[in-house]
């Protein structure tokens, strides 16, 4: 359990290679433990591999986590995000996100999941529904949970980029960067600002 917690801490801080090693070590030491624990470790590993750009390995881990029992819906979200990052099969991504939200719709998971839903809808060209999902995500953000807030704002930014609303997207990327300057989503947002020539704006 401590290895799992350490892996999550490294992942949130953007240290994905270290997180991968910790999740793998947790899995190696988890033989014979409850499937629920192994599913959580596999899910963490899947997210770390996704962040390292190893999408096929990530998907295998997340599919295995689902087969063991995705009790929080996180593995489904992970596969949806893989699809969104690659800009493909947004319909499948949306279905996975809606399934995940039937499993867990409350707490700090909701802003990120609704922001991902907005991203999927944006890729599908369903802008009115995208706007509604964005509004829900923004309403549910707790600014004191800075990594969670950054995560939601980065995803909203990606949704807005997908529908060519770049100026609004930059505002969300800046908010994400300021909310979690040392974390993973803050770093991703700075990359987006740099890519769009808005880093100093």
N, C-alpha and C. Protein backbone atom coordinates (compact mmCIF):
# COMPACT_ATOMS: atom_id res chain seq x y z
N UNK A 1 0.83 -1.21 0.00
CA UNK A 1 0.00 0.00 0.00
C UNK A 1 0.87 1.27 0.00
N UNK A 2 1.97 1.23 0.73
CA UNK A 2 2.85 2.41 0.75
C UNK A 2 3.49 2.65 -0.62
N UNK A 3 3.86 1.56 -1.30
CA UNK A 3 4.41 1.71 -2.65
C UNK A 3 3.38 2.34 -3.58
N UNK A 4 2.14 1.93 -3.43
CA UNK A 4 1.06 2.49 -4.25
C UNK A 4 0.90 3.98 -3.99
N UNK A 5 0.89 4.35 -2.72
CA UNK A 5 0.75 5.76 -2.35
C UNK A 5 1.94 6.57 -2.88
N UNK A 6 3.14 6.03 -2.74
CA UNK A 6 4.33 6.73 -3.24
C UNK A 6 4.25 6.90 -4.76
N UNK A 7 3.76 5.87 -5.44
CA UNK A 7 3.61 5.96 -6.89
C UNK A 7 2.67 7.07 -7.29
N UNK A 8 1.55 7.18 -6.58
CA UNK A 8 0.58 8.24 -6.87
C UNK A 8 1.20 9.61 -6.63
N UNK A 9 1.96 9.76 -5.55
CA UNK A 9 2.60 11.04 -5.24
C UNK A 9 3.56 11.45 -6.36
N UNK A 10 4.38 10.49 -6.81
CA UNK A 10 5.31 10.78 -7.91
C UNK A 10 4.56 11.13 -9.19
N UNK A 11 3.47 10.42 -9.47
CA UNK A 11 2.71 10.67 -10.69
C UNK A 11 2.12 12.08 -10.69
N UNK A 12 1.52 12.47 -9.56
CA UNK A 12 0.92 13.80 -9.45
C UNK A 12 1.97 14.90 -9.62
N UNK A 13 3.19 14.60 -9.15
CA UNK A 13 4.28 15.57 -9.26
C UNK A 13 4.93 15.57 -10.64
N UNK A 14 4.48 14.67 -11.52
CA UNK A 14 5.03 14.64 -12.86
C UNK A 14 6.28 13.80 -13.01
N UNK A 15 6.60 12.98 -11.99
CA UNK A 15 7.78 12.11 -12.05
C UNK A 15 7.33 10.71 -12.49
N UNK A 16 7.05 10.57 -13.78
CA UNK A 16 6.35 9.39 -14.28
C UNK A 16 7.23 8.14 -14.32
N UNK A 17 8.52 8.30 -14.62
CA UNK A 17 9.41 7.14 -14.63
C UNK A 17 9.52 6.54 -13.23
N UNK A 18 9.64 7.42 -12.23
CA UNK A 18 9.71 6.94 -10.84
C UNK A 18 8.39 6.29 -10.44
N UNK A 19 7.28 6.89 -10.88
CA UNK A 19 5.96 6.31 -10.57
C UNK A 19 5.83 4.92 -11.18
N UNK A 20 6.28 4.77 -12.43
CA UNK A 20 6.22 3.46 -13.08
C UNK A 20 6.94 2.40 -12.25
N UNK A 21 8.15 2.71 -11.79
CA UNK A 21 8.92 1.74 -11.01
C UNK A 21 8.21 1.36 -9.71
N UNK A 22 7.62 2.34 -9.05
CA UNK A 22 6.93 2.07 -7.80
C UNK A 22 5.68 1.22 -8.02
N UNK A 23 4.92 1.53 -9.06
CA UNK A 23 3.72 0.71 -9.35
C UNK A 23 4.11 -0.71 -9.72
N UNK A 24 5.20 -0.87 -10.49
CA UNK A 24 5.66 -2.21 -10.85
C UNK A 24 6.11 -2.98 -9.61
N UNK A 25 6.79 -2.28 -8.71
CA UNK A 25 7.25 -2.94 -7.47
C UNK A 25 6.05 -3.35 -6.62
N UNK A 26 5.04 -2.47 -6.55
CA UNK A 26 3.82 -2.80 -5.80
C UNK A 26 3.16 -4.04 -6.37
N UNK A 27 3.11 -4.13 -7.70
CA UNK A 27 2.50 -5.30 -8.34
C UNK A 27 3.31 -6.56 -8.08
N UNK A 28 4.63 -6.44 -8.12
CA UNK A 28 5.49 -7.60 -7.88
C UNK A 28 5.31 -8.15 -6.46
N UNK A 29 5.05 -7.24 -5.53
CA UNK A 29 4.90 -7.66 -4.14
C UNK A 29 3.44 -7.97 -3.78
N UNK A 30 2.55 -7.79 -4.77
CA UNK A 30 1.11 -7.94 -4.48
C UNK A 30 0.55 -9.29 -4.92
N UNK A 31 1.42 -10.20 -5.34
CA UNK A 31 0.92 -11.52 -5.76
C UNK A 31 0.19 -12.19 -4.59
N UNK A 32 -1.01 -12.65 -4.88
CA UNK A 32 -1.79 -13.29 -3.82
C UNK A 32 -2.66 -12.34 -3.03
N UNK A 33 -2.53 -11.03 -3.28
CA UNK A 33 -3.39 -10.06 -2.58
C UNK A 33 -4.72 -9.95 -3.32
N UNK A 34 -5.62 -9.17 -2.76
CA UNK A 34 -6.96 -9.01 -3.33
C UNK A 34 -6.88 -8.42 -4.74
N UNK A 35 -7.71 -8.90 -5.66
CA UNK A 35 -7.72 -8.35 -7.03
C UNK A 35 -7.93 -6.83 -7.04
N UNK A 36 -8.70 -6.32 -6.09
CA UNK A 36 -8.96 -4.88 -6.05
C UNK A 36 -7.66 -4.09 -5.90
N UNK A 37 -6.74 -4.59 -5.06
CA UNK A 37 -5.47 -3.88 -4.87
C UNK A 37 -4.65 -3.94 -6.16
N UNK A 38 -4.58 -5.11 -6.77
CA UNK A 38 -3.80 -5.26 -8.01
C UNK A 38 -4.40 -4.39 -9.12
N UNK A 39 -5.73 -4.30 -9.15
CA UNK A 39 -6.38 -3.45 -10.15
C UNK A 39 -5.98 -1.99 -9.96
N UNK A 40 -5.92 -1.54 -8.71
CA UNK A 40 -5.51 -0.15 -8.43
C UNK A 40 -4.08 0.10 -8.88
N UNK A 41 -3.20 -0.87 -8.59
CA UNK A 41 -1.80 -0.73 -8.99
C UNK A 41 -1.65 -0.74 -10.51
N UNK A 42 -2.39 -1.62 -11.17
CA UNK A 42 -2.36 -1.67 -12.64
C UNK A 42 -2.89 -0.38 -13.24
N UNK A 43 -3.92 0.18 -12.62
CA UNK A 43 -4.48 1.44 -13.10
C UNK A 43 -3.45 2.56 -12.97
N UNK A 44 -2.79 2.62 -11.83
CA UNK A 44 -1.74 3.62 -11.64
C UNK A 44 -0.62 3.46 -12.66
N UNK A 45 -0.23 2.21 -12.89
CA UNK A 45 0.81 1.94 -13.89
C UNK A 45 0.35 2.35 -15.28
N UNK A 46 -0.91 2.08 -15.58
CA UNK A 46 -1.44 2.47 -16.89
C UNK A 46 -1.38 3.97 -17.11
N UNK A 47 -1.73 4.75 -16.10
CA UNK A 47 -1.66 6.21 -16.22
C UNK A 47 -0.21 6.67 -16.38
N UNK A 48 0.70 6.06 -15.60
CA UNK A 48 2.12 6.44 -15.70
C UNK A 48 2.66 6.16 -17.10
N UNK A 49 2.32 5.00 -17.65
CA UNK A 49 2.78 4.64 -19.00
C UNK A 49 2.19 5.58 -20.05
N UNK A 50 0.93 5.97 -19.86
CA UNK A 50 0.31 6.93 -20.78
C UNK A 50 1.07 8.25 -20.75
N UNK A 51 1.42 8.71 -19.55
CA UNK A 51 2.14 9.97 -19.42
C UNK A 51 3.55 9.88 -19.99
N UNK A 52 4.08 8.66 -20.08
CA UNK A 52 5.40 8.45 -20.70
C UNK A 52 5.28 8.22 -22.21
N UNK A 53 4.04 8.30 -22.75
CA UNK A 53 3.84 8.14 -24.17
C UNK A 53 3.80 6.71 -24.66
N UNK A 54 3.70 5.76 -23.73
CA UNK A 54 3.69 4.33 -24.09
C UNK A 54 2.24 3.83 -24.09
N UNK A 55 1.51 4.24 -25.12
CA UNK A 55 0.07 4.09 -25.13
C UNK A 55 -0.40 2.64 -25.20
N UNK A 56 0.27 1.82 -25.98
CA UNK A 56 -0.18 0.43 -26.10
C UNK A 56 0.00 -0.32 -24.78
N UNK A 57 1.14 -0.12 -24.13
CA UNK A 57 1.36 -0.74 -22.82
C UNK A 57 0.34 -0.23 -21.80
N UNK A 58 0.08 1.06 -21.87
CA UNK A 58 -0.89 1.66 -20.96
C UNK A 58 -2.26 1.02 -21.12
N UNK A 59 -2.69 0.88 -22.37
CA UNK A 59 -4.02 0.32 -22.62
C UNK A 59 -4.12 -1.11 -22.10
N UNK A 60 -3.06 -1.90 -22.27
CA UNK A 60 -3.08 -3.28 -21.76
C UNK A 60 -3.25 -3.30 -20.25
N UNK A 61 -2.53 -2.43 -19.56
CA UNK A 61 -2.65 -2.36 -18.09
C UNK A 61 -4.06 -1.97 -17.67
N UNK A 62 -4.61 -0.98 -18.35
CA UNK A 62 -5.94 -0.49 -17.98
C UNK A 62 -7.03 -1.51 -18.29
N UNK A 63 -6.88 -2.23 -19.40
CA UNK A 63 -7.84 -3.29 -19.72
C UNK A 63 -7.78 -4.40 -18.66
N UNK A 64 -6.55 -4.72 -18.21
CA UNK A 64 -6.40 -5.73 -17.15
C UNK A 64 -7.05 -5.27 -15.86
N UNK A 65 -6.91 -3.97 -15.55
CA UNK A 65 -7.52 -3.42 -14.34
C UNK A 65 -9.04 -3.54 -14.42
N UNK A 66 -9.61 -3.28 -15.60
CA UNK A 66 -11.06 -3.39 -15.77
C UNK A 66 -11.50 -4.84 -15.56
N UNK A 67 -10.74 -5.78 -16.10
CA UNK A 67 -11.11 -7.19 -15.96
C UNK A 67 -11.06 -7.66 -14.52
N UNK A 68 -10.22 -7.01 -13.69
CA UNK A 68 -10.12 -7.36 -12.27
C UNK A 68 -11.19 -6.69 -11.42
N UNK A 69 -11.81 -5.65 -11.97
CA UNK A 69 -12.84 -4.93 -11.23
C UNK A 69 -12.48 -3.47 -11.05
N UNK A 70 -12.99 -2.64 -11.95
CA UNK A 70 -12.69 -1.20 -11.95
C UNK A 70 -13.69 -0.48 -11.05
N UNK A 71 -13.50 -0.62 -9.74
CA UNK A 71 -14.54 -0.18 -8.79
C UNK A 71 -14.69 1.33 -8.68
N UNK A 72 -13.69 2.08 -9.13
CA UNK A 72 -13.79 3.54 -9.10
C UNK A 72 -14.02 4.13 -10.49
N UNK A 73 -13.95 3.29 -11.51
CA UNK A 73 -14.10 3.79 -12.88
C UNK A 73 -12.85 4.39 -13.47
N UNK A 74 -11.76 4.40 -12.72
CA UNK A 74 -10.55 5.11 -13.15
C UNK A 74 -9.91 4.50 -14.39
N UNK A 75 -9.94 3.16 -14.50
CA UNK A 75 -9.32 2.53 -15.67
C UNK A 75 -10.08 2.88 -16.94
N UNK A 76 -11.40 2.96 -16.84
CA UNK A 76 -12.19 3.37 -18.00
C UNK A 76 -11.85 4.80 -18.41
N UNK A 77 -11.67 5.66 -17.42
CA UNK A 77 -11.26 7.04 -17.70
C UNK A 77 -9.89 7.05 -18.38
N UNK A 78 -9.00 6.19 -17.90
CA UNK A 78 -7.66 6.13 -18.49
C UNK A 78 -7.69 5.76 -19.96
N UNK A 79 -8.50 4.77 -20.32
CA UNK A 79 -8.59 4.37 -21.73
C UNK A 79 -9.24 5.49 -22.54
N UNK A 80 -10.25 6.14 -21.97
CA UNK A 80 -10.87 7.28 -22.66
C UNK A 80 -9.85 8.37 -22.95
N UNK A 81 -9.01 8.65 -21.97
CA UNK A 81 -7.99 9.69 -22.15
C UNK A 81 -6.97 9.31 -23.21
N UNK A 82 -6.61 8.03 -23.27
CA UNK A 82 -5.70 7.58 -24.33
C UNK A 82 -6.29 7.90 -25.71
N UNK A 83 -7.58 7.64 -25.86
CA UNK A 83 -8.25 7.93 -27.13
C UNK A 83 -8.29 9.43 -27.40
N UNK A 84 -8.61 10.21 -26.38
CA UNK A 84 -8.70 11.66 -26.55
C UNK A 84 -7.34 12.25 -26.91
N UNK A 85 -6.29 11.78 -26.26
CA UNK A 85 -4.94 12.28 -26.54
C UNK A 85 -4.53 12.01 -27.98
N UNK A 86 -5.02 10.91 -28.51
CA UNK A 86 -4.69 10.55 -29.90
C UNK A 86 -5.71 11.10 -30.90
N UNK A 87 -6.77 11.75 -30.37
CA UNK A 87 -7.78 12.35 -31.23
C UNK A 87 -8.57 11.35 -32.03
N UNK A 88 -8.78 10.16 -31.46
CA UNK A 88 -9.50 9.13 -32.21
C UNK A 88 -10.61 8.51 -31.37
N UNK A 89 -11.61 8.00 -32.04
CA UNK A 89 -12.74 7.31 -31.43
C UNK A 89 -13.35 8.08 -30.25
N UNK A 90 -13.71 9.35 -30.46
CA UNK A 90 -14.29 10.11 -29.35
C UNK A 90 -15.61 9.52 -28.85
N UNK A 91 -16.34 8.83 -29.74
CA UNK A 91 -17.59 8.19 -29.32
C UNK A 91 -17.31 7.11 -28.27
N UNK A 92 -16.27 6.31 -28.53
CA UNK A 92 -15.88 5.27 -27.57
C UNK A 92 -15.41 5.91 -26.26
N UNK A 93 -14.63 6.98 -26.38
CA UNK A 93 -14.15 7.68 -25.18
C UNK A 93 -15.32 8.18 -24.35
N UNK A 94 -16.32 8.76 -25.02
CA UNK A 94 -17.49 9.28 -24.31
C UNK A 94 -18.24 8.16 -23.61
N UNK A 95 -18.41 7.02 -24.29
CA UNK A 95 -19.10 5.89 -23.67
C UNK A 95 -18.36 5.39 -22.43
N UNK A 96 -17.03 5.34 -22.50
CA UNK A 96 -16.23 4.92 -21.35
C UNK A 96 -16.36 5.91 -20.19
N UNK A 97 -16.36 7.19 -20.51
CA UNK A 97 -16.49 8.21 -19.47
C UNK A 97 -17.86 8.15 -18.80
N UNK A 98 -18.90 7.95 -19.60
CA UNK A 98 -20.24 7.87 -19.02
C UNK A 98 -20.37 6.62 -18.15
N UNK A 99 -19.74 5.52 -18.57
CA UNK A 99 -19.74 4.31 -17.74
C UNK A 99 -19.00 4.57 -16.43
N UNK A 100 -17.88 5.29 -16.51
CA UNK A 100 -17.10 5.60 -15.30
C UNK A 100 -17.91 6.47 -14.35
N UNK A 101 -18.67 7.42 -14.90
CA UNK A 101 -19.45 8.31 -14.04
C UNK A 101 -20.66 7.63 -13.42
N UNK A 102 -21.10 6.54 -14.01
CA UNK A 102 -22.14 5.74 -13.35
C UNK A 102 -21.57 5.01 -12.14
N UNK A 103 -20.26 4.71 -12.20
CA UNK A 103 -19.59 4.05 -11.08
C UNK A 103 -19.32 5.06 -9.97
N UNK A 104 -18.79 6.25 -10.36
CA UNK A 104 -18.47 7.28 -9.37
C UNK A 104 -18.77 8.64 -9.97
N UNK A 105 -19.71 9.36 -9.36
CA UNK A 105 -20.11 10.66 -9.88
C UNK A 105 -19.91 11.80 -8.89
N UNK A 106 -19.35 11.49 -7.72
CA UNK A 106 -19.22 12.53 -6.71
C UNK A 106 -17.75 12.73 -6.35
N UNK A 107 -17.51 13.75 -5.54
CA UNK A 107 -16.16 13.98 -5.04
C UNK A 107 -15.25 14.61 -6.06
N UNK A 108 -13.95 14.53 -5.79
CA UNK A 108 -12.99 15.25 -6.61
C UNK A 108 -12.79 14.63 -7.98
N UNK A 109 -13.34 13.43 -8.25
CA UNK A 109 -13.23 12.82 -9.58
C UNK A 109 -14.12 13.53 -10.60
N UNK A 110 -15.20 14.15 -10.15
CA UNK A 110 -16.21 14.67 -11.08
C UNK A 110 -15.70 15.80 -11.98
N UNK A 111 -14.99 16.82 -11.47
CA UNK A 111 -14.56 17.89 -12.39
C UNK A 111 -13.70 17.37 -13.54
N UNK A 112 -12.76 16.48 -13.23
CA UNK A 112 -11.89 15.93 -14.28
C UNK A 112 -12.70 15.10 -15.28
N UNK A 113 -13.62 14.29 -14.78
CA UNK A 113 -14.40 13.44 -15.67
C UNK A 113 -15.33 14.25 -16.56
N UNK A 114 -15.92 15.31 -16.01
CA UNK A 114 -16.78 16.16 -16.83
C UNK A 114 -15.95 16.95 -17.84
N UNK A 115 -14.74 17.35 -17.46
CA UNK A 115 -13.86 18.05 -18.41
C UNK A 115 -13.46 17.12 -19.54
N UNK A 116 -13.18 15.86 -19.22
CA UNK A 116 -12.89 14.88 -20.27
C UNK A 116 -14.11 14.68 -21.17
N UNK A 117 -15.29 14.67 -20.57
CA UNK A 117 -16.52 14.54 -21.36
C UNK A 117 -16.64 15.71 -22.34
N UNK A 118 -16.34 16.91 -21.86
CA UNK A 118 -16.36 18.09 -22.73
C UNK A 118 -15.38 17.92 -23.89
N UNK A 119 -14.21 17.36 -23.60
CA UNK A 119 -13.18 17.13 -24.62
C UNK A 119 -13.69 16.15 -25.68
N UNK A 120 -14.29 15.06 -25.24
CA UNK A 120 -14.83 14.07 -26.18
C UNK A 120 -15.93 14.70 -27.05
N UNK A 121 -16.83 15.44 -26.43
CA UNK A 121 -17.92 16.09 -27.17
C UNK A 121 -17.37 17.11 -28.16
N UNK A 122 -16.30 17.80 -27.77
CA UNK A 122 -15.68 18.77 -28.68
C UNK A 122 -15.15 18.07 -29.93
N UNK A 123 -14.49 16.93 -29.73
CA UNK A 123 -13.96 16.18 -30.87
C UNK A 123 -15.07 15.65 -31.77
N UNK A 124 -16.26 15.51 -31.20
CA UNK A 124 -17.42 15.03 -31.96
C UNK A 124 -18.20 16.19 -32.59
N UNK A 125 -17.80 17.43 -32.30
CA UNK A 125 -18.48 18.59 -32.86
C UNK A 125 -19.78 18.95 -32.17
N UNK A 126 -20.00 18.41 -30.98
CA UNK A 126 -21.26 18.65 -30.25
C UNK A 126 -21.03 19.78 -29.24
N UNK A 127 -20.99 21.01 -29.76
CA UNK A 127 -20.50 22.13 -28.95
C UNK A 127 -21.46 22.54 -27.84
N UNK A 128 -22.75 22.45 -28.06
CA UNK A 128 -23.69 22.82 -27.00
C UNK A 128 -23.53 21.89 -25.80
N UNK A 129 -23.46 20.59 -26.06
CA UNK A 129 -23.26 19.63 -24.96
C UNK A 129 -21.88 19.79 -24.33
N UNK A 130 -20.88 20.11 -25.16
CA UNK A 130 -19.55 20.39 -24.63
C UNK A 130 -19.60 21.54 -23.64
N UNK A 131 -20.32 22.59 -24.01
CA UNK A 131 -20.43 23.77 -23.14
C UNK A 131 -21.09 23.40 -21.81
N UNK A 132 -22.10 22.56 -21.87
CA UNK A 132 -22.79 22.14 -20.64
C UNK A 132 -21.86 21.32 -19.75
N UNK A 133 -21.09 20.42 -20.36
CA UNK A 133 -20.15 19.60 -19.58
C UNK A 133 -19.07 20.47 -18.95
N UNK A 134 -18.59 21.45 -19.71
CA UNK A 134 -17.59 22.38 -19.18
C UNK A 134 -18.14 23.15 -17.99
N UNK A 135 -19.36 23.61 -18.11
CA UNK A 135 -19.97 24.39 -17.03
C UNK A 135 -20.08 23.56 -15.76
N UNK A 136 -20.45 22.29 -15.91
CA UNK A 136 -20.53 21.41 -14.74
C UNK A 136 -19.16 21.20 -14.13
N UNK A 137 -18.15 20.95 -14.98
CA UNK A 137 -16.79 20.75 -14.47
C UNK A 137 -16.31 21.96 -13.69
N UNK A 138 -16.53 23.15 -14.25
CA UNK A 138 -16.08 24.38 -13.59
C UNK A 138 -16.82 24.61 -12.27
N UNK A 139 -18.10 24.30 -12.25
CA UNK A 139 -18.90 24.48 -11.04
C UNK A 139 -18.43 23.55 -9.92
N UNK A 140 -17.94 22.37 -10.29
CA UNK A 140 -17.56 21.37 -9.29
C UNK A 140 -16.12 21.49 -8.81
N UNK A 141 -15.32 22.34 -9.45
CA UNK A 141 -13.91 22.47 -9.05
C UNK A 141 -13.80 23.09 -7.66
N UNK A 142 -13.00 22.46 -6.82
CA UNK A 142 -12.63 23.04 -5.53
C UNK A 142 -11.23 23.64 -5.69
N UNK A 143 -11.10 24.99 -5.73
CA UNK A 143 -9.79 25.60 -6.00
C UNK A 143 -8.71 25.22 -4.99
N UNK A 144 -9.13 24.81 -3.79
CA UNK A 144 -8.13 24.44 -2.78
C UNK A 144 -7.46 23.10 -3.10
N UNK A 145 -8.11 22.29 -3.93
CA UNK A 145 -7.50 21.03 -4.38
C UNK A 145 -6.77 21.33 -5.68
N UNK A 146 -5.59 21.89 -5.55
CA UNK A 146 -4.91 22.50 -6.69
C UNK A 146 -4.58 21.52 -7.82
N UNK A 147 -4.06 20.32 -7.54
CA UNK A 147 -3.81 19.39 -8.66
C UNK A 147 -5.09 18.98 -9.39
N UNK A 148 -6.19 18.84 -8.64
CA UNK A 148 -7.47 18.48 -9.26
C UNK A 148 -7.97 19.63 -10.13
N UNK A 149 -7.86 20.85 -9.62
CA UNK A 149 -8.27 22.02 -10.39
C UNK A 149 -7.45 22.14 -11.67
N UNK A 150 -6.14 21.95 -11.56
CA UNK A 150 -5.27 22.03 -12.73
C UNK A 150 -5.64 20.98 -13.76
N UNK A 151 -5.94 19.78 -13.29
CA UNK A 151 -6.33 18.68 -14.18
C UNK A 151 -7.57 19.05 -14.99
N UNK A 152 -8.59 19.57 -14.32
CA UNK A 152 -9.83 19.94 -15.00
C UNK A 152 -9.60 21.09 -15.99
N UNK A 153 -8.84 22.10 -15.58
CA UNK A 153 -8.62 23.25 -16.46
C UNK A 153 -7.81 22.85 -17.70
N UNK A 154 -6.83 21.96 -17.53
CA UNK A 154 -6.06 21.51 -18.70
C UNK A 154 -6.97 20.80 -19.69
N UNK A 155 -7.84 19.94 -19.21
CA UNK A 155 -8.75 19.20 -20.09
C UNK A 155 -9.76 20.11 -20.75
N UNK A 156 -10.24 21.11 -20.03
CA UNK A 156 -11.15 22.09 -20.64
C UNK A 156 -10.42 22.85 -21.75
N UNK A 157 -9.16 23.19 -21.47
CA UNK A 157 -8.36 23.84 -22.50
C UNK A 157 -8.24 23.00 -23.75
N UNK A 158 -8.02 21.69 -23.57
CA UNK A 158 -7.92 20.79 -24.73
C UNK A 158 -9.24 20.74 -25.50
N UNK A 159 -10.35 20.76 -24.78
CA UNK A 159 -11.66 20.77 -25.44
C UNK A 159 -11.82 22.04 -26.28
N UNK A 160 -11.43 23.16 -25.72
CA UNK A 160 -11.58 24.44 -26.44
C UNK A 160 -10.66 24.52 -27.65
N UNK A 161 -9.46 23.96 -27.52
CA UNK A 161 -8.56 23.91 -28.68
C UNK A 161 -9.21 23.10 -29.81
N UNK A 162 -9.87 22.01 -29.43
CA UNK A 162 -10.49 21.12 -30.42
C UNK A 162 -11.57 21.81 -31.24
N UNK A 163 -12.20 22.84 -30.65
CA UNK A 163 -13.24 23.58 -31.39
C UNK A 163 -12.74 24.97 -31.81
N UNK A 164 -11.41 25.11 -31.81
CA UNK A 164 -10.75 26.31 -32.33
C UNK A 164 -11.11 27.57 -31.54
N UNK A 165 -11.25 27.42 -30.24
CA UNK A 165 -11.46 28.58 -29.36
C UNK A 165 -10.18 28.77 -28.55
N UNK A 166 -9.11 29.10 -29.28
CA UNK A 166 -7.77 29.08 -28.69
C UNK A 166 -7.59 30.11 -27.57
N UNK A 167 -8.14 31.30 -27.75
CA UNK A 167 -7.93 32.34 -26.74
C UNK A 167 -8.50 31.91 -25.39
N UNK A 168 -9.71 31.33 -25.41
CA UNK A 168 -10.31 30.82 -24.17
C UNK A 168 -9.49 29.67 -23.61
N UNK A 169 -9.00 28.81 -24.50
CA UNK A 169 -8.19 27.67 -24.06
C UNK A 169 -6.95 28.15 -23.32
N UNK A 170 -6.31 29.21 -23.82
CA UNK A 170 -5.09 29.70 -23.18
C UNK A 170 -5.37 30.16 -21.75
N UNK A 171 -6.53 30.74 -21.53
CA UNK A 171 -6.90 31.17 -20.17
C UNK A 171 -6.95 29.97 -19.23
N UNK A 172 -7.50 28.86 -19.70
CA UNK A 172 -7.58 27.67 -18.85
C UNK A 172 -6.21 27.04 -18.65
N UNK A 173 -5.37 27.05 -19.69
CA UNK A 173 -4.02 26.53 -19.52
C UNK A 173 -3.23 27.38 -18.51
N UNK A 174 -3.41 28.70 -18.56
CA UNK A 174 -2.73 29.56 -17.58
C UNK A 174 -3.23 29.27 -16.16
N UNK A 175 -4.54 29.11 -16.03
CA UNK A 175 -5.10 28.80 -14.71
C UNK A 175 -4.53 27.49 -14.17
N UNK A 176 -4.43 26.49 -15.05
CA UNK A 176 -3.90 25.19 -14.64
C UNK A 176 -2.43 25.31 -14.23
N UNK A 177 -1.67 26.07 -15.00
CA UNK A 177 -0.25 26.25 -14.69
C UNK A 177 -0.05 26.95 -13.35
N UNK A 178 -0.89 27.94 -13.09
CA UNK A 178 -0.79 28.68 -11.83
C UNK A 178 -1.29 27.85 -10.64
N UNK A 179 -2.28 27.00 -10.89
CA UNK A 179 -2.84 26.19 -9.79
C UNK A 179 -1.86 25.13 -9.32
N UNK A 180 -1.10 24.56 -10.25
CA UNK A 180 -0.22 23.45 -9.89
C UNK A 180 1.11 23.59 -10.63
N UNK A 181 1.89 24.63 -10.29
CA UNK A 181 3.10 24.94 -11.07
C UNK A 181 4.15 23.84 -11.05
N UNK A 182 4.19 23.04 -9.98
CA UNK A 182 5.19 21.97 -9.88
C UNK A 182 4.65 20.61 -10.32
N UNK A 183 3.37 20.54 -10.66
CA UNK A 183 2.74 19.25 -10.92
C UNK A 183 2.60 18.92 -12.40
N UNK A 184 2.06 17.75 -12.63
CA UNK A 184 1.94 17.19 -13.98
C UNK A 184 1.07 18.04 -14.90
N UNK A 185 -0.12 18.41 -14.45
CA UNK A 185 -1.03 19.16 -15.32
C UNK A 185 -0.58 20.60 -15.52
N UNK A 186 0.12 21.15 -14.54
CA UNK A 186 0.72 22.46 -14.74
C UNK A 186 1.77 22.42 -15.84
N UNK A 187 2.59 21.36 -15.83
CA UNK A 187 3.62 21.21 -16.87
C UNK A 187 3.00 21.02 -18.24
N UNK A 188 1.95 20.19 -18.32
CA UNK A 188 1.26 19.99 -19.60
C UNK A 188 0.69 21.31 -20.12
N UNK A 189 0.17 22.11 -19.22
CA UNK A 189 -0.43 23.39 -19.62
C UNK A 189 0.62 24.36 -20.13
N UNK A 190 1.79 24.36 -19.51
CA UNK A 190 2.86 25.22 -20.00
C UNK A 190 3.31 24.80 -21.40
N UNK A 191 3.31 23.50 -21.65
CA UNK A 191 3.64 23.01 -23.00
C UNK A 191 2.62 23.52 -24.02
N UNK A 192 1.35 23.51 -23.63
CA UNK A 192 0.31 24.01 -24.53
C UNK A 192 0.48 25.51 -24.78
N UNK A 193 0.77 26.25 -23.74
CA UNK A 193 0.98 27.69 -23.89
C UNK A 193 2.17 27.97 -24.80
N UNK A 194 3.23 27.20 -24.63
CA UNK A 194 4.41 27.36 -25.48
C UNK A 194 4.09 26.99 -26.93
N UNK A 195 3.35 25.91 -27.10
CA UNK A 195 3.00 25.46 -28.46
C UNK A 195 2.17 26.50 -29.20
N UNK A 196 1.33 27.21 -28.46
CA UNK A 196 0.46 28.22 -29.08
C UNK A 196 1.05 29.63 -29.00
N UNK A 197 2.28 29.73 -28.55
CA UNK A 197 2.94 31.03 -28.49
C UNK A 197 2.35 31.97 -27.48
N UNK A 198 1.78 31.41 -26.39
CA UNK A 198 1.08 32.23 -25.40
C UNK A 198 1.71 32.14 -24.02
N UNK A 199 2.93 31.64 -23.94
CA UNK A 199 3.51 31.37 -22.61
C UNK A 199 3.68 32.65 -21.80
N UNK A 200 4.02 33.72 -22.45
CA UNK A 200 4.23 34.97 -21.69
C UNK A 200 3.03 35.88 -21.70
N UNK A 201 1.93 35.40 -22.33
CA UNK A 201 0.75 36.28 -22.47
C UNK A 201 -0.12 36.27 -21.29
